[in-house]
Amino acid sequence: MLRLEGHGNAGDSCFCGLAAPVFRCRDCFGMRMLCNQCVLHSHASNPLHRIDMWSNSYFQHTSLKQIGLCMQLGHNPGKICYNPHPSTGDDFIVIDVHGIHEITLDFCGCASSQVHYKQLLHARWYPATTSEPRTAATFSLLEHFHLLSFESKVSTYEFYQSLVRRNNHAGLLPIRVCSWYV
């Protein structure tokens, strides 16, 4: 178990052989260490995975947004959109079973594109609003909450607090709250 919390074998290189591996994914099988480009490439279809970065003597939580991943809706993963429309404010929030994620999101603006909320629904993300959505919940999260609310009578507040703890168990990081709640 201790080995899983360490950097691994000294001198190991990323499987691409081009850069030093400094990232690991807590949600991928095997927890293999990857370089920046490989972690971005391998998570184009998994933008909500939790990423740790090695910082000399310990792993520090980071996000795919912080290391450069931009999620493009309206096209298959890895395909280029020639008319991307960034989400409002570049701080789109996706609530998932793994926690609460801030991502960089571009909507498709091509001539044949759907409205923003339909692009989110196609990605199995339920938007908080139909006009200029900035928050969405994954269908997986909604199904999980539905099951827990019937089986264990968990309240919405308790469920949300458990998601906050998935990202920030020590309670040391600030929790983003909409300004009208403050």
C-alpha atoms as a PDB file:
ATOM      1  CA  MET A   1       0.000   0.000   0.000  1.00  0.00           C
ATOM      2  CA  LEU A   2       2.859   2.387   0.743  1.00  0.00           C
ATOM      3  CA  ARG A   3       4.310   1.809  -2.719  1.00  0.00           C
ATOM      4  CA  LEU A   4       1.090   3.151  -4.243  1.00  0.00           C
ATOM      5  CA  GLU A   5       1.659   6.469  -2.470  1.00  0.00           C
ATOM      6  CA  GLY A   6       5.204   6.836  -3.786  1.00  0.00           C
ATOM      7  CA  HIS A   7       6.638   7.869  -7.140  1.00  0.00           C
ATOM      8  CA  GLY A   8       7.480   4.303  -8.166  1.00  0.00           C
ATOM      9  CA  ASN A   9      10.795   3.172  -9.589  1.00  0.00           C
ATOM     10  CA  ALA A  10      13.402   5.919  -9.836  1.00  0.00           C
ATOM     11  CA  GLY A  11      14.379   6.671 -13.409  1.00  0.00           C
ATOM     12  CA  ASP A  12      11.222   5.226 -14.978  1.00  0.00           C
ATOM     13  CA  SER A  13      10.081   7.067 -18.063  1.00  0.00           C
ATOM     14  CA  CYS A  14       6.630   7.495 -19.506  1.00  0.00           C
ATOM     15  CA  PHE A  15       5.635   4.766 -21.966  1.00  0.00           C
ATOM     16  CA  CYS A  16       5.951   7.336 -24.784  1.00  0.00           C
ATOM     17  CA  GLY A  17       9.642   7.668 -23.875  1.00  0.00           C
ATOM     18  CA  LEU A  18       9.600  11.425 -24.499  1.00  0.00           C
ATOM     19  CA  ALA A  19       9.167  12.943 -21.038  1.00  0.00           C
ATOM     20  CA  ALA A  20       9.403  12.185 -17.352  1.00  0.00           C
ATOM     21  CA  PRO A  21       6.215  10.795 -15.800  1.00  0.00           C
ATOM     22  CA  VAL A  22       4.850  13.110 -13.103  1.00  0.00           C
ATOM     23  CA  PHE A  23       1.088  12.445 -13.197  1.00  0.00           C
ATOM     24  CA  ARG A  24      -1.090   9.570 -12.048  1.00  0.00           C
ATOM     25  CA  CYS A  25      -4.825   9.038 -12.340  1.00  0.00           C
ATOM     26  CA  ARG A  26      -6.684   7.798  -9.280  1.00  0.00           C
ATOM     27  CA  ASP A  27      -9.494   6.427 -11.444  1.00  0.00           C
ATOM     28  CA  CYS A  28      -7.622   4.580 -14.214  1.00  0.00           C
ATOM     29  CA  PHE A  29      -6.647   0.946 -13.794  1.00  0.00           C
ATOM     30  CA  GLY A  30      -3.054   0.380 -12.714  1.00  0.00           C
ATOM     31  CA  MET A  31      -2.223   3.949 -11.665  1.00  0.00           C
ATOM     32  CA  ARG A  32       0.631   4.120 -14.183  1.00  0.00           C
ATOM     33  CA  MET A  33       2.693   7.303 -14.076  1.00  0.00           C
ATOM     34  CA  LEU A  34       2.344   9.466 -17.200  1.00  0.00           C
ATOM     35  CA  CYS A  35       3.855  12.627 -18.663  1.00  0.00           C
ATOM     36  CA  ASN A  36       1.755  15.728 -19.357  1.00  0.00           C
ATOM     37  CA  GLN A  37       0.996  14.901 -23.012  1.00  0.00           C
ATOM     38  CA  CYS A  38       0.159  11.248 -22.331  1.00  0.00           C
ATOM     39  CA  VAL A  39      -2.183  12.043 -19.432  1.00  0.00           C
ATOM     40  CA  LEU A  40      -4.025  14.580 -21.610  1.00  0.00           C
ATOM     41  CA  HIS A  41      -4.250  12.164 -24.552  1.00  0.00           C
ATOM     42  CA  SER A  42      -5.449   9.255 -22.410  1.00  0.00           C
ATOM     43  CA  HIS A  43      -8.133  11.399 -20.730  1.00  0.00           C
ATOM     44  CA  ALA A  44      -9.723  12.998 -23.795  1.00  0.00           C
ATOM     45  CA  SER A  45     -12.651  10.611 -23.211  1.00  0.00           C
ATOM     46  CA  ASN A  46     -12.416  10.689 -19.393  1.00  0.00           C
ATOM     47  CA  PRO A  47     -12.348  14.389 -18.457  1.00  0.00           C
ATOM     48  CA  LEU A  48     -13.671  13.801 -14.938  1.00  0.00           C
ATOM     49  CA  HIS A  49     -10.913  11.540 -13.658  1.00  0.00           C
ATOM     50  CA  ARG A  50      -8.976  12.680 -10.581  1.00  0.00           C
ATOM     51  CA  ILE A  51      -5.308  13.474 -11.264  1.00  0.00           C
ATOM     52  CA  ASP A  52      -2.344  13.719  -8.882  1.00  0.00           C
ATOM     53  CA  MET A  53       1.000  15.341  -9.698  1.00  0.00           C
ATOM     54  CA  TRP A  54       4.309  14.260  -8.150  1.00  0.00           C
ATOM     55  CA  SER A  55       6.030  17.235  -6.502  1.00  0.00           C
ATOM     56  CA  ASN A  56       9.467  15.989  -5.351  1.00  0.00           C
ATOM     57  CA  SER A  57       8.354  14.004  -2.287  1.00  0.00           C
ATOM     58  CA  TYR A  58       4.571  13.569  -2.405  1.00  0.00           C
ATOM     59  CA  PHE A  59       1.548  13.570  -4.694  1.00  0.00           C
ATOM     60  CA  GLN A  60      -0.424  16.783  -4.899  1.00  0.00           C
ATOM     61  CA  HIS A  61      -3.966  16.951  -6.284  1.00  0.00           C
ATOM     62  CA  THR A  62      -4.309  18.770  -9.584  1.00  0.00           C
ATOM     63  CA  SER A  63      -6.937  18.734 -12.290  1.00  0.00           C
ATOM     64  CA  LEU A  64      -7.037  17.988 -15.970  1.00  0.00           C
ATOM     65  CA  LYS A  65      -8.079  21.611 -16.481  1.00  0.00           C
ATOM     66  CA  GLN A  66      -4.931  22.846 -14.723  1.00  0.00           C
ATOM     67  CA  ILE A  67      -2.702  20.769 -16.985  1.00  0.00           C
ATOM     68  CA  GLY A  68      -4.419  21.849 -20.197  1.00  0.00           C
ATOM     69  CA  LEU A  69      -7.361  19.570 -21.039  1.00  0.00           C
ATOM     70  CA  CYS A  70     -10.239  21.228 -22.867  1.00  0.00           C
ATOM     71  CA  MET A  71     -13.399  19.167 -23.334  1.00  0.00           C
ATOM     72  CA  GLN A  72     -15.016  19.678 -26.739  1.00  0.00           C
ATOM     73  CA  LEU A  73     -18.723  18.877 -27.075  1.00  0.00           C
ATOM     74  CA  GLY A  74     -20.572  18.278 -30.316  1.00  0.00           C
ATOM     75  CA  HIS A  75     -17.863  16.068 -31.861  1.00  0.00           C
ATOM     76  CA  ASN A  76     -16.384  12.672 -31.088  1.00  0.00           C
ATOM     77  CA  PRO A  77     -13.489  12.758 -28.568  1.00  0.00           C
ATOM     78  CA  GLY A  78     -10.243  13.824 -30.212  1.00  0.00           C
ATOM     79  CA  LYS A  79     -11.981  15.383 -33.232  1.00  0.00           C
ATOM     80  CA  ILE A  80     -11.310  19.045 -33.916  1.00  0.00           C
ATOM     81  CA  CYS A  81     -14.134  21.583 -33.922  1.00  0.00           C
ATOM     82  CA  TYR A  82     -13.389  24.458 -36.278  1.00  0.00           C
ATOM     83  CA  ASN A  83     -15.831  26.802 -34.540  1.00  0.00           C
ATOM     84  CA  PRO A  84     -15.615  26.171 -30.769  1.00  0.00           C
ATOM     85  CA  HIS A  85     -17.606  28.365 -28.378  1.00  0.00           C
ATOM     86  CA  PRO A  86     -16.053  28.469 -24.879  1.00  0.00           C
ATOM     87  CA  SER A  87     -18.441  28.089 -21.963  1.00  0.00           C
ATOM     88  CA  THR A  88     -19.279  31.265 -20.091  1.00  0.00           C
ATOM     89  CA  GLY A  89     -16.409  32.368 -17.877  1.00  0.00           C
ATOM     90  CA  ASP A  90     -14.220  29.325 -18.644  1.00  0.00           C
ATOM     91  CA  ASP A  91     -15.220  27.696 -15.351  1.00  0.00           C
ATOM     92  CA  PHE A  92     -17.749  25.001 -16.165  1.00  0.00           C
ATOM     93  CA  ILE A  93     -18.646  22.790 -13.181  1.00  0.00           C
ATOM     94  CA  VAL A  94     -19.520  19.106 -13.601  1.00  0.00           C
ATOM     95  CA  ILE A  95     -20.801  17.179 -10.599  1.00  0.00           C
ATOM     96  CA  ASP A  96     -20.002  13.477 -10.853  1.00  0.00           C
ATOM     97  CA  VAL A  97     -19.880  10.425  -8.590  1.00  0.00           C
ATOM     98  CA  HIS A  98     -16.112  11.037  -8.266  1.00  0.00           C
ATOM     99  CA  GLY A  99     -16.661  14.579  -6.988  1.00  0.00           C
ATOM    100  CA  ILE A 100     -17.098  18.133  -8.186  1.00  0.00           C
ATOM    101  CA  HIS A 101     -14.946  19.077 -11.166  1.00  0.00           C
ATOM    102  CA  GLU A 102     -14.086  22.422 -12.722  1.00  0.00           C
ATOM    103  CA  ILE A 103     -13.314  21.892 -16.396  1.00  0.00           C
ATOM    104  CA  THR A 104     -12.552  23.884 -19.523  1.00  0.00           C
ATOM    105  CA  LEU A 105     -15.427  23.254 -21.906  1.00  0.00           C
ATOM    106  CA  ASP A 106     -16.033  24.293 -25.494  1.00  0.00           C
ATOM    107  CA  PHE A 107     -19.407  23.905 -27.135  1.00  0.00           C
ATOM    108  CA  CYS A 108     -19.600  23.205 -30.855  1.00  0.00           C
ATOM    109  CA  GLY A 109     -20.488  26.258 -32.902  1.00  0.00           C
ATOM    110  CA  CYS A 110     -20.535  24.590 -36.313  1.00  0.00           C
ATOM    111  CA  ALA A 111     -23.489  25.267 -38.625  1.00  0.00           C
ATOM    112  CA  SER A 112     -25.074  21.891 -37.822  1.00  0.00           C
ATOM    113  CA  SER A 113     -24.516  22.086 -34.043  1.00  0.00           C
ATOM    114  CA  GLN A 114     -27.234  21.706 -31.429  1.00  0.00           C
ATOM    115  CA  VAL A 115     -28.023  24.268 -28.724  1.00  0.00           C
ATOM    116  CA  HIS A 116     -25.721  24.074 -25.685  1.00  0.00           C
ATOM    117  CA  TYR A 117     -28.050  22.182 -23.362  1.00  0.00           C
ATOM    118  CA  LYS A 118     -28.640  19.511 -26.031  1.00  0.00           C
ATOM    119  CA  GLN A 119     -24.876  19.079 -26.491  1.00  0.00           C
ATOM    120  CA  LEU A 120     -24.596  18.512 -22.726  1.00  0.00           C
ATOM    121  CA  LEU A 121     -27.441  15.984 -22.743  1.00  0.00           C
ATOM    122  CA  HIS A 122     -25.794  14.135 -25.638  1.00  0.00           C
ATOM    123  CA  ALA A 123     -22.670  13.824 -23.438  1.00  0.00           C
ATOM    124  CA  ARG A 124     -24.920  12.410 -20.643  1.00  0.00           C
ATOM    125  CA  TRP A 125     -24.511  15.579 -18.578  1.00  0.00           C
ATOM    126  CA  TYR A 126     -27.734  17.090 -17.230  1.00  0.00           C
ATOM    127  CA  PRO A 127     -27.506  20.915 -17.352  1.00  0.00           C
ATOM    128  CA  ALA A 128     -28.588  23.016 -14.378  1.00  0.00           C
ATOM    129  CA  THR A 129     -30.341  25.392 -16.783  1.00  0.00           C
ATOM    130  CA  THR A 130     -31.205  25.512 -20.469  1.00  0.00           C
ATOM    131  CA  SER A 131     -29.968  29.076 -20.990  1.00  0.00           C
ATOM    132  CA  GLU A 132     -26.178  29.564 -20.854  1.00  0.00           C
ATOM    133  CA  PRO A 133     -25.472  26.459 -18.715  1.00  0.00           C
ATOM    134  CA  ARG A 134     -22.378  26.652 -16.484  1.00  0.00           C
ATOM    135  CA  THR A 135     -23.087  23.608 -14.313  1.00  0.00           C
ATOM    136  CA  ALA A 136     -24.132  20.051 -15.094  1.00  0.00           C
ATOM    137  CA  ALA A 137     -24.558  16.747 -13.281  1.00  0.00           C
ATOM    138  CA  THR A 138     -23.643  13.460 -14.929  1.00  0.00           C
ATOM    139  CA  PHE A 139     -26.389  10.941 -15.547  1.00  0.00           C
ATOM    140  CA  SER A 140     -24.291   8.513 -13.513  1.00  0.00           C
ATOM    141  CA  LEU A 141     -24.466  10.855 -10.516  1.00  0.00           C
ATOM    142  CA  LEU A 142     -28.225  11.303 -10.854  1.00  0.00           C
ATOM    143  CA  GLU A 143     -28.757   7.536 -11.056  1.00  0.00           C
ATOM    144  CA  HIS A 144     -26.528   7.027  -7.995  1.00  0.00           C
ATOM    145  CA  PHE A 145     -28.409   9.665  -5.977  1.00  0.00           C
ATOM    146  CA  HIS A 146     -31.754   8.193  -7.044  1.00  0.00           C
ATOM    147  CA  LEU A 147     -30.687   4.763  -5.794  1.00  0.00           C
ATOM    148  CA  LEU A 148     -29.279   6.088  -2.504  1.00  0.00           C
ATOM    149  CA  SER A 149     -32.307   8.258  -1.792  1.00  0.00           C
ATOM    150  CA  PHE A 150     -34.602   5.233  -2.053  1.00  0.00           C
ATOM    151  CA  GLU A 151     -32.393   2.645  -0.360  1.00  0.00           C
ATOM    152  CA  SER A 152     -30.768   4.653   2.433  1.00  0.00           C
ATOM    153  CA  LYS A 153     -32.931   7.807   2.542  1.00  0.00           C
ATOM    154  CA  VAL A 154     -29.898  10.049   2.042  1.00  0.00           C
ATOM    155  CA  SER A 155     -30.824  13.725   1.787  1.00  0.00           C
ATOM    156  CA  THR A 156     -29.637  15.984  -1.011  1.00  0.00           C
ATOM    157  CA  TYR A 157     -27.518  17.947   1.469  1.00  0.00           C
ATOM    158  CA  GLU A 158     -25.790  14.809   2.808  1.00  0.00           C
ATOM    159  CA  PHE A 159     -25.186  13.543  -0.703  1.00  0.00           C
ATOM    160  CA  TYR A 160     -23.649  16.857  -1.778  1.00  0.00           C
ATOM    161  CA  GLN A 161     -21.438  16.964   1.333  1.00  0.00           C
ATOM    162  CA  SER A 162     -20.123  13.480   0.520  1.00  0.00           C
ATOM    163  CA  LEU A 163     -19.151  14.738  -2.958  1.00  0.00           C
ATOM    164  CA  VAL A 164     -17.371  17.749  -1.451  1.00  0.00           C
ATOM    165  CA  ARG A 165     -15.387  15.376   0.784  1.00  0.00           C
ATOM    166  CA  ARG A 166     -14.369  13.276  -2.249  1.00  0.00           C
ATOM    167  CA  ASN A 167     -12.462  16.320  -3.540  1.00  0.00           C
ATOM    168  CA  ASN A 168     -11.482  17.934  -0.252  1.00  0.00           C
ATOM    169  CA  HIS A 169     -11.535  15.483   2.646  1.00  0.00           C
ATOM    170  CA  ALA A 170      -9.533  17.658   5.032  1.00  0.00           C
ATOM    171  CA  GLY A 171     -11.788  20.674   4.489  1.00  0.00           C
ATOM    172  CA  LEU A 172      -8.805  22.926   3.773  1.00  0.00           C
ATOM    173  CA  LEU A 173      -9.644  23.926   0.211  1.00  0.00           C
ATOM    174  CA  PRO A 174     -12.277  26.587  -0.485  1.00  0.00           C
ATOM    175  CA  ILE A 175     -15.610  25.321  -1.781  1.00  0.00           C
ATOM    176  CA  ARG A 176     -16.966  27.264  -4.730  1.00  0.00           C
ATOM    177  CA  VAL A 177     -20.437  28.630  -4.036  1.00  0.00           C
ATOM    178  CA  CYS A 178     -22.576  30.755  -6.307  1.00  0.00           C
ATOM    179  CA  SER A 179     -22.448  34.424  -5.294  1.00  0.00           C
ATOM    180  CA  TRP A 180     -26.187  34.647  -4.599  1.00  0.00           C
ATOM    181  CA  TYR A 181     -25.810  32.099  -1.768  1.00  0.00           C
ATOM    182  CA  VAL A 182     -23.236  34.237   0.074  1.00  0.00           C
END
